[in-house]
mmCIF file of all heavy atoms, coordinates in Angstrom:
data_MODEL
# 
_entry.id   MODEL 
# 
loop_
_atom_site.group_PDB 
_atom_site.id 
_atom_site.type_symbol 
_atom_site.label_atom_id 
_atom_site.label_alt_id 
_atom_site.label_comp_id 
_atom_site.label_asym_id 
_atom_site.label_entity_id 
_atom_site.label_seq_id 
_atom_site.pdbx_PDB_ins_code 
_atom_site.Cartn_x 
_atom_site.Cartn_y 
_atom_site.Cartn_z 
_atom_site.occupancy 
_atom_site.B_iso_or_equiv 
_atom_site.pdbx_formal_charge 
_atom_site.auth_seq_id 
_atom_site.auth_comp_id 
_atom_site.auth_asym_id 
_atom_site.auth_atom_id 
_atom_site.pdbx_PDB_model_num 
ATOM 1   N N   . ASP A 1 1  ? -12.246 -4.485  -7.176  1.00 0.00 ? 1  ASP A N   1 
ATOM 2   C CA  . ASP A 1 1  ? -11.417 -3.290  -7.176  1.00 0.00 ? 1  ASP A CA  1 
ATOM 3   C C   . ASP A 1 1  ? -11.234 -2.685  -5.892  1.00 0.00 ? 1  ASP A C   1 
ATOM 4   O O   . ASP A 1 1  ? -10.153 -2.247  -5.522  1.00 0.00 ? 1  ASP A O   1 
ATOM 5   C CB  . ASP A 1 1  ? -11.928 -2.190  -8.215  1.00 0.00 ? 1  ASP A CB  1 
ATOM 6   C CG  . ASP A 1 1  ? -11.871 -2.584  -9.617  1.00 0.00 ? 1  ASP A CG  1 
ATOM 7   O OD1 . ASP A 1 1  ? -11.093 -3.584  -9.916  1.00 0.00 ? 1  ASP A OD1 1 
ATOM 8   O OD2 . ASP A 1 1  ? -12.581 -2.019  -10.429 1.00 0.00 ? 1  ASP A OD2 1 
ATOM 9   N N   . GLY A 1 2  ? -12.268 -2.555  -5.123  1.00 0.00 ? 2  GLY A N   1 
ATOM 10  C CA  . GLY A 1 2  ? -12.182 -1.956  -3.760  1.00 0.00 ? 2  GLY A CA  1 
ATOM 11  C C   . GLY A 1 2  ? -11.090 -2.678  -2.813  1.00 0.00 ? 2  GLY A C   1 
ATOM 12  O O   . GLY A 1 2  ? -10.622 -2.010  -1.975  1.00 0.00 ? 2  GLY A O   1 
ATOM 13  N N   . ASP A 1 3  ? -11.039 -3.994  -3.112  1.00 0.00 ? 3  ASP A N   1 
ATOM 14  C CA  . ASP A 1 3  ? -10.131 -4.743  -2.089  1.00 0.00 ? 3  ASP A CA  1 
ATOM 15  C C   . ASP A 1 3  ? -8.673  -4.281  -2.197  1.00 0.00 ? 3  ASP A C   1 
ATOM 16  O O   . ASP A 1 3  ? -7.844  -4.370  -1.229  1.00 0.00 ? 3  ASP A O   1 
ATOM 17  C CB  . ASP A 1 3  ? -10.269 -6.217  -2.465  1.00 0.00 ? 3  ASP A CB  1 
ATOM 18  C CG  . ASP A 1 3  ? -11.558 -6.914  -2.186  1.00 0.00 ? 3  ASP A CG  1 
ATOM 19  O OD1 . ASP A 1 3  ? -12.311 -6.239  -1.381  1.00 0.00 ? 3  ASP A OD1 1 
ATOM 20  O OD2 . ASP A 1 3  ? -11.770 -7.942  -2.689  1.00 0.00 ? 3  ASP A OD2 1 
ATOM 21  N N   . LEU A 1 4  ? -8.251  -3.744  -3.330  1.00 0.00 ? 4  LEU A N   1 
ATOM 22  C CA  . LEU A 1 4  ? -6.847  -3.334  -3.532  1.00 0.00 ? 4  LEU A CA  1 
ATOM 23  C C   . LEU A 1 4  ? -6.579  -2.100  -2.627  1.00 0.00 ? 4  LEU A C   1 
ATOM 24  O O   . LEU A 1 4  ? -5.434  -1.914  -2.337  1.00 0.00 ? 4  LEU A O   1 
ATOM 25  C CB  . LEU A 1 4  ? -6.674  -2.983  -5.011  1.00 0.00 ? 4  LEU A CB  1 
ATOM 26  C CG  . LEU A 1 4  ? -5.223  -2.791  -5.506  1.00 0.00 ? 4  LEU A CG  1 
ATOM 27  C CD1 . LEU A 1 4  ? -4.395  -4.091  -5.291  1.00 0.00 ? 4  LEU A CD1 1 
ATOM 28  C CD2 . LEU A 1 4  ? -5.136  -2.350  -6.969  1.00 0.00 ? 4  LEU A CD2 1 
ATOM 29  N N   . TYR A 1 5  ? -7.630  -1.429  -2.237  1.00 0.00 ? 5  TYR A N   1 
ATOM 30  C CA  . TYR A 1 5  ? -7.309  -0.168  -1.373  1.00 0.00 ? 5  TYR A CA  1 
ATOM 31  C C   . TYR A 1 5  ? -7.632  -0.510  0.073   1.00 0.00 ? 5  TYR A C   1 
ATOM 32  O O   . TYR A 1 5  ? -7.520  0.389   0.963   1.00 0.00 ? 5  TYR A O   1 
ATOM 33  C CB  . TYR A 1 5  ? -8.180  0.925   -1.908  1.00 0.00 ? 5  TYR A CB  1 
ATOM 34  C CG  . TYR A 1 5  ? -7.849  1.268   -3.312  1.00 0.00 ? 5  TYR A CG  1 
ATOM 35  C CD1 . TYR A 1 5  ? -8.447  0.624   -4.479  1.00 0.00 ? 5  TYR A CD1 1 
ATOM 36  C CD2 . TYR A 1 5  ? -7.010  2.324   -3.632  1.00 0.00 ? 5  TYR A CD2 1 
ATOM 37  C CE1 . TYR A 1 5  ? -8.192  0.939   -5.734  1.00 0.00 ? 5  TYR A CE1 1 
ATOM 38  C CE2 . TYR A 1 5  ? -6.645  2.740   -4.971  1.00 0.00 ? 5  TYR A CE2 1 
ATOM 39  C CZ  . TYR A 1 5  ? -7.227  1.925   -5.975  1.00 0.00 ? 5  TYR A CZ  1 
ATOM 40  O OH  . TYR A 1 5  ? -6.915  2.353   -7.231  1.00 0.00 ? 5  TYR A OH  1 
ATOM 41  N N   . ALA A 1 6  ? -8.117  -1.650  0.516   1.00 0.00 ? 6  ALA A N   1 
ATOM 42  C CA  . ALA A 1 6  ? -8.623  -1.912  1.806   1.00 0.00 ? 6  ALA A CA  1 
ATOM 43  C C   . ALA A 1 6  ? -7.519  -1.789  2.826   1.00 0.00 ? 6  ALA A C   1 
ATOM 44  O O   . ALA A 1 6  ? -7.807  -1.280  3.890   1.00 0.00 ? 6  ALA A O   1 
ATOM 45  C CB  . ALA A 1 6  ? -9.236  -3.284  1.819   1.00 0.00 ? 6  ALA A CB  1 
ATOM 46  N N   . LEU A 1 7  ? -6.299  -2.291  2.600   1.00 0.00 ? 7  LEU A N   1 
ATOM 47  C CA  . LEU A 1 7  ? -5.350  -2.354  3.599   1.00 0.00 ? 7  LEU A CA  1 
ATOM 48  C C   . LEU A 1 7  ? -4.824  -0.938  3.905   1.00 0.00 ? 7  LEU A C   1 
ATOM 49  O O   . LEU A 1 7  ? -4.674  -0.508  4.940   1.00 0.00 ? 7  LEU A O   1 
ATOM 50  C CB  . LEU A 1 7  ? -3.994  -3.106  3.065   1.00 0.00 ? 7  LEU A CB  1 
ATOM 51  C CG  . LEU A 1 7  ? -2.824  -3.287  3.962   1.00 0.00 ? 7  LEU A CG  1 
ATOM 52  C CD1 . LEU A 1 7  ? -3.219  -3.694  5.469   1.00 0.00 ? 7  LEU A CD1 1 
ATOM 53  C CD2 . LEU A 1 7  ? -1.824  -4.132  3.442   1.00 0.00 ? 7  LEU A CD2 1 
ATOM 54  N N   . GLU A 1 8  ? -4.625  -0.095  2.796   1.00 0.00 ? 8  GLU A N   1 
ATOM 55  C CA  . GLU A 1 8  ? -4.172  1.246   3.079   1.00 0.00 ? 8  GLU A CA  1 
ATOM 56  C C   . GLU A 1 8  ? -5.387  2.038   3.866   1.00 0.00 ? 8  GLU A C   1 
ATOM 57  O O   . GLU A 1 8  ? -5.053  2.855   4.734   1.00 0.00 ? 8  GLU A O   1 
ATOM 58  C CB  . GLU A 1 8  ? -4.054  1.969   1.667   1.00 0.00 ? 8  GLU A CB  1 
ATOM 59  C CG  . GLU A 1 8  ? -2.827  1.556   0.966   1.00 0.00 ? 8  GLU A CG  1 
ATOM 60  C CD  . GLU A 1 8  ? -2.739  1.884   -0.438  1.00 0.00 ? 8  GLU A CD  1 
ATOM 61  O OE1 . GLU A 1 8  ? -2.582  3.073   -0.832  1.00 0.00 ? 8  GLU A OE1 1 
ATOM 62  O OE2 . GLU A 1 8  ? -3.159  1.017   -1.395  1.00 0.00 ? 8  GLU A OE2 1 
ATOM 63  N N   . ALA A 1 9  ? -6.608  1.816   3.384   1.00 0.00 ? 9  ALA A N   1 
ATOM 64  C CA  . ALA A 1 9  ? -7.707  2.457   4.109   1.00 0.00 ? 9  ALA A CA  1 
ATOM 65  C C   . ALA A 1 9  ? -7.764  2.093   5.593   1.00 0.00 ? 9  ALA A C   1 
ATOM 66  O O   . ALA A 1 9  ? -7.929  2.980   6.495   1.00 0.00 ? 9  ALA A O   1 
ATOM 67  C CB  . ALA A 1 9  ? -8.919  2.166   3.424   1.00 0.00 ? 9  ALA A CB  1 
ATOM 68  N N   . ALA A 1 10 ? -7.440  0.808   5.842   1.00 0.00 ? 10 ALA A N   1 
ATOM 69  C CA  . ALA A 1 10 ? -7.387  0.403   7.288   1.00 0.00 ? 10 ALA A CA  1 
ATOM 70  C C   . ALA A 1 10 ? -6.339  1.073   8.061   1.00 0.00 ? 10 ALA A C   1 
ATOM 71  O O   . ALA A 1 10 ? -6.537  1.486   9.289   1.00 0.00 ? 10 ALA A O   1 
ATOM 72  C CB  . ALA A 1 10 ? -7.350  -1.139  7.305   1.00 0.00 ? 10 ALA A CB  1 
ATOM 73  N N   . LEU A 1 11 ? -5.165  1.157   7.451   1.00 0.00 ? 11 LEU A N   1 
ATOM 74  C CA  . LEU A 1 11 ? -3.994  1.848   8.243   1.00 0.00 ? 11 LEU A CA  1 
ATOM 75  C C   . LEU A 1 11 ? -4.292  3.333   8.351   1.00 0.00 ? 11 LEU A C   1 
ATOM 76  O O   . LEU A 1 11 ? -3.972  3.833   9.378   1.00 0.00 ? 11 LEU A O   1 
ATOM 77  C CB  . LEU A 1 11 ? -2.703  1.614   7.354   1.00 0.00 ? 11 LEU A CB  1 
ATOM 78  C CG  . LEU A 1 11 ? -2.173  0.228   7.289   1.00 0.00 ? 11 LEU A CG  1 
ATOM 79  C CD1 . LEU A 1 11 ? -1.169  0.004   6.278   1.00 0.00 ? 11 LEU A CD1 1 
ATOM 80  C CD2 . LEU A 1 11 ? -1.646  -0.204  8.679   1.00 0.00 ? 11 LEU A CD2 1 
ATOM 81  N N   . ALA A 1 12 ? -4.969  3.963   7.395   1.00 0.00 ? 12 ALA A N   1 
ATOM 82  C CA  . ALA A 1 12 ? -5.207  5.347   7.473   1.00 0.00 ? 12 ALA A CA  1 
ATOM 83  C C   . ALA A 1 12 ? -6.228  5.624   8.514   1.00 0.00 ? 12 ALA A C   1 
ATOM 84  O O   . ALA A 1 12 ? -6.182  6.607   9.279   1.00 0.00 ? 12 ALA A O   1 
ATOM 85  C CB  . ALA A 1 12 ? -5.735  5.825   6.111   1.00 0.00 ? 12 ALA A CB  1 
ATOM 86  N N   . ARG A 1 13 ? -7.278  4.749   8.702   1.00 0.00 ? 13 ARG A N   1 
ATOM 87  C CA  . ARG A 1 13 ? -8.208  4.861   9.737   1.00 0.00 ? 13 ARG A CA  1 
ATOM 88  C C   . ARG A 1 13 ? -7.654  4.831   11.132  1.00 0.00 ? 13 ARG A C   1 
ATOM 89  O O   . ARG A 1 13 ? -8.209  5.347   12.149  1.00 0.00 ? 13 ARG A O   1 
ATOM 90  C CB  . ARG A 1 13 ? -9.285  3.843   9.575   1.00 0.00 ? 13 ARG A CB  1 
ATOM 91  C CG  . ARG A 1 13 ? -10.332 4.036   8.454   1.00 0.00 ? 13 ARG A CG  1 
ATOM 92  C CD  . ARG A 1 13 ? -11.521 3.192   8.576   1.00 0.00 ? 13 ARG A CD  1 
ATOM 93  N NE  . ARG A 1 13 ? -11.264 1.779   8.617   1.00 0.00 ? 13 ARG A NE  1 
ATOM 94  C CZ  . ARG A 1 13 ? -11.203 1.060   7.494   1.00 0.00 ? 13 ARG A CZ  1 
ATOM 95  N NH1 . ARG A 1 13 ? -11.403 1.672   6.302   1.00 0.00 ? 13 ARG A NH1 1 
ATOM 96  N NH2 . ARG A 1 13 ? -10.944 -0.263  7.516   1.00 0.00 ? 13 ARG A NH2 1 
ATOM 97  N N   . ARG A 1 14 ? -6.478  4.133   11.227  1.00 0.00 ? 14 ARG A N   1 
ATOM 98  C CA  . ARG A 1 14 ? -5.801  4.012   12.623  1.00 0.00 ? 14 ARG A CA  1 
ATOM 99  C C   . ARG A 1 14 ? -4.733  5.092   12.724  1.00 0.00 ? 14 ARG A C   1 
ATOM 100 O O   . ARG A 1 14 ? -4.012  4.961   13.595  1.00 0.00 ? 14 ARG A O   1 
ATOM 101 C CB  . ARG A 1 14 ? -5.087  2.651   12.652  1.00 0.00 ? 14 ARG A CB  1 
ATOM 102 C CG  . ARG A 1 14 ? -6.198  1.427   12.880  1.00 0.00 ? 14 ARG A CG  1 
ATOM 103 C CD  . ARG A 1 14 ? -5.592  0.088   12.516  1.00 0.00 ? 14 ARG A CD  1 
ATOM 104 N NE  . ARG A 1 14 ? -6.563  -0.872  12.792  1.00 0.00 ? 14 ARG A NE  1 
ATOM 105 C CZ  . ARG A 1 14 ? -7.588  -1.196  12.152  1.00 0.00 ? 14 ARG A CZ  1 
ATOM 106 N NH1 . ARG A 1 14 ? -7.972  -0.511  11.025  1.00 0.00 ? 14 ARG A NH1 1 
ATOM 107 N NH2 . ARG A 1 14 ? -8.386  -2.144  12.510  1.00 0.00 ? 14 ARG A NH2 1 
ATOM 108 N N   . GLY A 1 15 ? -4.773  6.099   11.795  1.00 0.00 ? 15 GLY A N   1 
ATOM 109 C CA  . GLY A 1 15 ? -3.944  7.232   12.034  1.00 0.00 ? 15 GLY A CA  1 
ATOM 110 C C   . GLY A 1 15 ? -2.503  7.059   11.565  1.00 0.00 ? 15 GLY A C   1 
ATOM 111 O O   . GLY A 1 15 ? -1.659  7.806   11.839  1.00 0.00 ? 15 GLY A O   1 
ATOM 112 N N   . LEU A 1 16 ? -2.356  5.976   10.592  1.00 0.00 ? 16 LEU A N   1 
ATOM 113 C CA  . LEU A 1 16 ? -0.978  5.642   10.174  1.00 0.00 ? 16 LEU A CA  1 
ATOM 114 C C   . LEU A 1 16 ? -0.697  6.199   8.715   1.00 0.00 ? 16 LEU A C   1 
ATOM 115 O O   . LEU A 1 16 ? 0.247   5.711   8.059   1.00 0.00 ? 16 LEU A O   1 
ATOM 116 C CB  . LEU A 1 16 ? -0.838  4.086   10.191  1.00 0.00 ? 16 LEU A CB  1 
ATOM 117 C CG  . LEU A 1 16 ? -0.801  3.453   11.604  1.00 0.00 ? 16 LEU A CG  1 
ATOM 118 C CD1 . LEU A 1 16 ? -0.749  2.013   11.490  1.00 0.00 ? 16 LEU A CD1 1 
ATOM 119 C CD2 . LEU A 1 16 ? 0.361   3.940   12.456  1.00 0.00 ? 16 LEU A CD2 1 
ATOM 120 N N   . GLY A 1 17 ? -1.597  7.005   8.090   1.00 0.00 ? 17 GLY A N   1 
ATOM 121 C CA  . GLY A 1 17 ? -1.437  7.501   6.866   1.00 0.00 ? 17 GLY A CA  1 
ATOM 122 C C   . GLY A 1 17 ? -0.570  8.745   6.929   1.00 0.00 ? 17 GLY A C   1 
ATOM 123 O O   . GLY A 1 17 ? -0.163  9.316   7.932   1.00 0.00 ? 17 GLY A O   1 
ATOM 124 N N   . PRO A 1 18 ? -0.041  9.176   5.644   1.00 0.00 ? 18 PRO A N   1 
ATOM 125 C CA  . PRO A 1 18 ? -0.274  8.635   4.437   1.00 0.00 ? 18 PRO A CA  1 
ATOM 126 C C   . PRO A 1 18 ? 0.469   7.226   4.237   1.00 0.00 ? 18 PRO A C   1 
ATOM 127 O O   . PRO A 1 18 ? 1.538   7.170   4.912   1.00 0.00 ? 18 PRO A O   1 
ATOM 128 C CB  . PRO A 1 18 ? 0.182   9.573   3.335   1.00 0.00 ? 18 PRO A CB  1 
ATOM 129 C CG  . PRO A 1 18 ? 1.122   10.428  4.122   1.00 0.00 ? 18 PRO A CG  1 
ATOM 130 C CD  . PRO A 1 18 ? 0.685   10.484  5.655   1.00 0.00 ? 18 PRO A CD  1 
ATOM 131 N N   . VAL A 1 19 ? 0.051   6.296   3.514   1.00 0.00 ? 19 VAL A N   1 
ATOM 132 C CA  . VAL A 1 19 ? 0.638   5.024   3.322   1.00 0.00 ? 19 VAL A CA  1 
ATOM 133 C C   . VAL A 1 19 ? 1.440   4.955   2.057   1.00 0.00 ? 19 VAL A C   1 
ATOM 134 O O   . VAL A 1 19 ? 0.900   5.325   0.925   1.00 0.00 ? 19 VAL A O   1 
ATOM 135 C CB  . VAL A 1 19 ? -0.311  3.907   3.290   1.00 0.00 ? 19 VAL A CB  1 
ATOM 136 C CG1 . VAL A 1 19 ? 0.410   2.534   3.227   1.00 0.00 ? 19 VAL A CG1 1 
ATOM 137 C CG2 . VAL A 1 19 ? -1.096  3.956   4.675   1.00 0.00 ? 19 VAL A CG2 1 
ATOM 138 N N   . ALA A 1 20 ? 2.689   4.639   2.047   1.00 0.00 ? 20 ALA A N   1 
ATOM 139 C CA  . ALA A 1 20 ? 3.528   4.546   0.871   1.00 0.00 ? 20 ALA A CA  1 
ATOM 140 C C   . ALA A 1 20 ? 3.652   3.127   0.499   1.00 0.00 ? 20 ALA A C   1 
ATOM 141 O O   . ALA A 1 20 ? 3.579   2.154   1.387   1.00 0.00 ? 20 ALA A O   1 
ATOM 142 C CB  . ALA A 1 20 ? 4.968   5.112   1.205   1.00 0.00 ? 20 ALA A CB  1 
ATOM 143 N N   . GLY A 1 21 ? 3.739   2.754   -0.623  1.00 0.00 ? 21 GLY A N   1 
ATOM 144 C CA  . GLY A 1 21 ? 4.073   1.454   -1.289  1.00 0.00 ? 21 GLY A CA  1 
ATOM 145 C C   . GLY A 1 21 ? 5.461   1.552   -2.076  1.00 0.00 ? 21 GLY A C   1 
ATOM 146 O O   . GLY A 1 21 ? 5.733   2.478   -2.605  1.00 0.00 ? 21 GLY A O   1 
ATOM 147 N N   . ALA A 1 22 ? 6.148   0.417   -1.860  1.00 0.00 ? 22 ALA A N   1 
ATOM 148 C CA  . ALA A 1 22 ? 7.547   0.331   -2.557  1.00 0.00 ? 22 ALA A CA  1 
ATOM 149 C C   . ALA A 1 22 ? 7.620   -0.976  -3.271  1.00 0.00 ? 22 ALA A C   1 
ATOM 150 O O   . ALA A 1 22 ? 7.222   -2.060  -2.783  1.00 0.00 ? 22 ALA A O   1 
ATOM 151 C CB  . ALA A 1 22 ? 8.674   0.578   -1.569  1.00 0.00 ? 22 ALA A CB  1 
ATOM 152 N N   . ASP A 1 23 ? 8.165   -0.921  -4.446  1.00 0.00 ? 23 ASP A N   1 
ATOM 153 C CA  . ASP A 1 23 ? 8.404   -2.108  -5.256  1.00 0.00 ? 23 ASP A CA  1 
ATOM 154 C C   . ASP A 1 23 ? 9.497   -1.824  -6.292  1.00 0.00 ? 23 ASP A C   1 
ATOM 155 O O   . ASP A 1 23 ? 9.955   -0.748  -6.461  1.00 0.00 ? 23 ASP A O   1 
ATOM 156 C CB  . ASP A 1 23 ? 7.124   -2.503  -6.035  1.00 0.00 ? 23 ASP A CB  1 
ATOM 157 C CG  . ASP A 1 23 ? 7.127   -3.941  -6.421  1.00 0.00 ? 23 ASP A CG  1 
ATOM 158 O OD1 . ASP A 1 23 ? 8.017   -4.732  -6.068  1.00 0.00 ? 23 ASP A OD1 1 
ATOM 159 O OD2 . ASP A 1 23 ? 6.174   -4.315  -7.104  1.00 0.00 ? 23 ASP A OD2 1 
ATOM 160 N N   . GLU A 1 24 ? 10.066  -2.993  -6.815  1.00 0.00 ? 24 GLU A N   1 
ATOM 161 C CA  . GLU A 1 24 ? 11.159  -2.878  -7.662  1.00 0.00 ? 24 GLU A CA  1 
ATOM 162 C C   . GLU A 1 24 ? 10.883  -3.457  -9.045  1.00 0.00 ? 24 GLU A C   1 
ATOM 163 O O   . GLU A 1 24 ? 9.992   -4.338  -9.207  1.00 0.00 ? 24 GLU A O   1 
ATOM 164 C CB  . GLU A 1 24 ? 12.462  -3.538  -7.143  1.00 0.00 ? 24 GLU A CB  1 
ATOM 165 C CG  . GLU A 1 24 ? 12.281  -5.039  -6.730  1.00 0.00 ? 24 GLU A CG  1 
ATOM 166 C CD  . GLU A 1 24 ? 12.242  -5.988  -7.735  1.00 0.00 ? 24 GLU A CD  1 
ATOM 167 O OE1 . GLU A 1 24 ? 12.850  -5.793  -8.862  1.00 0.00 ? 24 GLU A OE1 1 
ATOM 168 O OE2 . GLU A 1 24 ? 11.698  -7.088  -7.555  1.00 0.00 ? 24 GLU A OE2 1 
ATOM 169 N N   . ALA A 1 25 ? 11.826  -3.212  -9.994  1.00 0.00 ? 25 ALA A N   1 
ATOM 170 C CA  . ALA A 1 25 ? 11.704  -3.881  -11.384 1.00 0.00 ? 25 ALA A CA  1 
ATOM 171 C C   . ALA A 1 25 ? 13.192  -4.239  -11.718 1.00 0.00 ? 25 ALA A C   1 
ATOM 172 O O   . ALA A 1 25 ? 13.986  -3.308  -11.466 1.00 0.00 ? 25 ALA A O   1 
ATOM 173 C CB  . ALA A 1 25 ? 11.047  -3.006  -12.313 1.00 0.00 ? 25 ALA A CB  1 
ATOM 174 N N   . GLY A 1 26 ? 13.520  -5.334  -12.304 1.00 0.00 ? 26 GLY A N   1 
ATOM 175 C CA  . GLY A 1 26 ? 14.799  -5.695  -12.816 1.00 0.00 ? 26 GLY A CA  1 
ATOM 176 C C   . GLY A 1 26 ? 15.637  -6.561  -11.886 1.00 0.00 ? 26 GLY A C   1 
ATOM 177 O O   . GLY A 1 26 ? 16.787  -6.802  -12.154 1.00 0.00 ? 26 GLY A O   1 
ATOM 178 N N   . ARG A 1 27 ? 15.133  -7.037  -10.760 1.00 0.00 ? 27 ARG A N   1 
ATOM 179 C CA  . ARG A 1 27 ? 15.843  -7.823  -9.759  1.00 0.00 ? 27 ARG A CA  1 
ATOM 180 C C   . ARG A 1 27 ? 16.439  -9.124  -10.487 1.00 0.00 ? 27 ARG A C   1 
ATOM 181 O O   . ARG A 1 27 ? 17.531  -9.504  -10.461 1.00 0.00 ? 27 ARG A O   1 
ATOM 182 C CB  . ARG A 1 27 ? 15.149  -8.056  -8.585  1.00 0.00 ? 27 ARG A CB  1 
ATOM 183 C CG  . ARG A 1 27 ? 15.869  -8.974  -7.564  1.00 0.00 ? 27 ARG A CG  1 
ATOM 184 C CD  . ARG A 1 27 ? 15.141  -9.147  -6.177  1.00 0.00 ? 27 ARG A CD  1 
ATOM 185 N NE  . ARG A 1 27 ? 15.910  -10.061 -5.424  1.00 0.00 ? 27 ARG A NE  1 
ATOM 186 C CZ  . ARG A 1 27 ? 15.968  -9.887  -4.133  1.00 0.00 ? 27 ARG A CZ  1 
ATOM 187 N NH1 . ARG A 1 27 ? 15.416  -8.894  -3.419  1.00 0.00 ? 27 ARG A NH1 1 
ATOM 188 N NH2 . ARG A 1 27 ? 16.717  -10.885 -3.377  1.00 0.00 ? 27 ARG A NH2 1 
ATOM 189 N N   . GLY A 1 28 ? 15.555  -9.680  -11.275 1.00 0.00 ? 28 GLY A N   1 
ATOM 190 C CA  . GLY A 1 28 ? 15.884  -10.924 -11.936 1.00 0.00 ? 28 GLY A CA  1 
ATOM 191 C C   . GLY A 1 28 ? 16.649  -10.831 -13.258 1.00 0.00 ? 28 GLY A C   1 
ATOM 192 O O   . GLY A 1 28 ? 16.893  -11.809 -13.919 1.00 0.00 ? 28 GLY A O   1 
ATOM 193 N N   . ALA A 1 29 ? 16.694  -9.591  -13.759 1.00 0.00 ? 29 ALA A N   1 
ATOM 194 C CA  . ALA A 1 29 ? 17.389  -9.476  -15.069 1.00 0.00 ? 29 ALA A CA  1 
ATOM 195 C C   . ALA A 1 29 ? 18.899  -9.566  -14.949 1.00 0.00 ? 29 ALA A C   1 
ATOM 196 O O   . ALA A 1 29 ? 19.467  -9.441  -13.834 1.00 0.00 ? 29 ALA A O   1 
ATOM 197 C CB  . ALA A 1 29 ? 17.039  -7.985  -15.573 1.00 0.00 ? 29 ALA A CB  1 
# 
């Protein structure tokens, strides 16, 4: 479970937070 948060945590430690994620649904419909 912790691995899912590792990339965001690494970016935040480098002063790049807050980190946003973006994704879509329905592209293939």
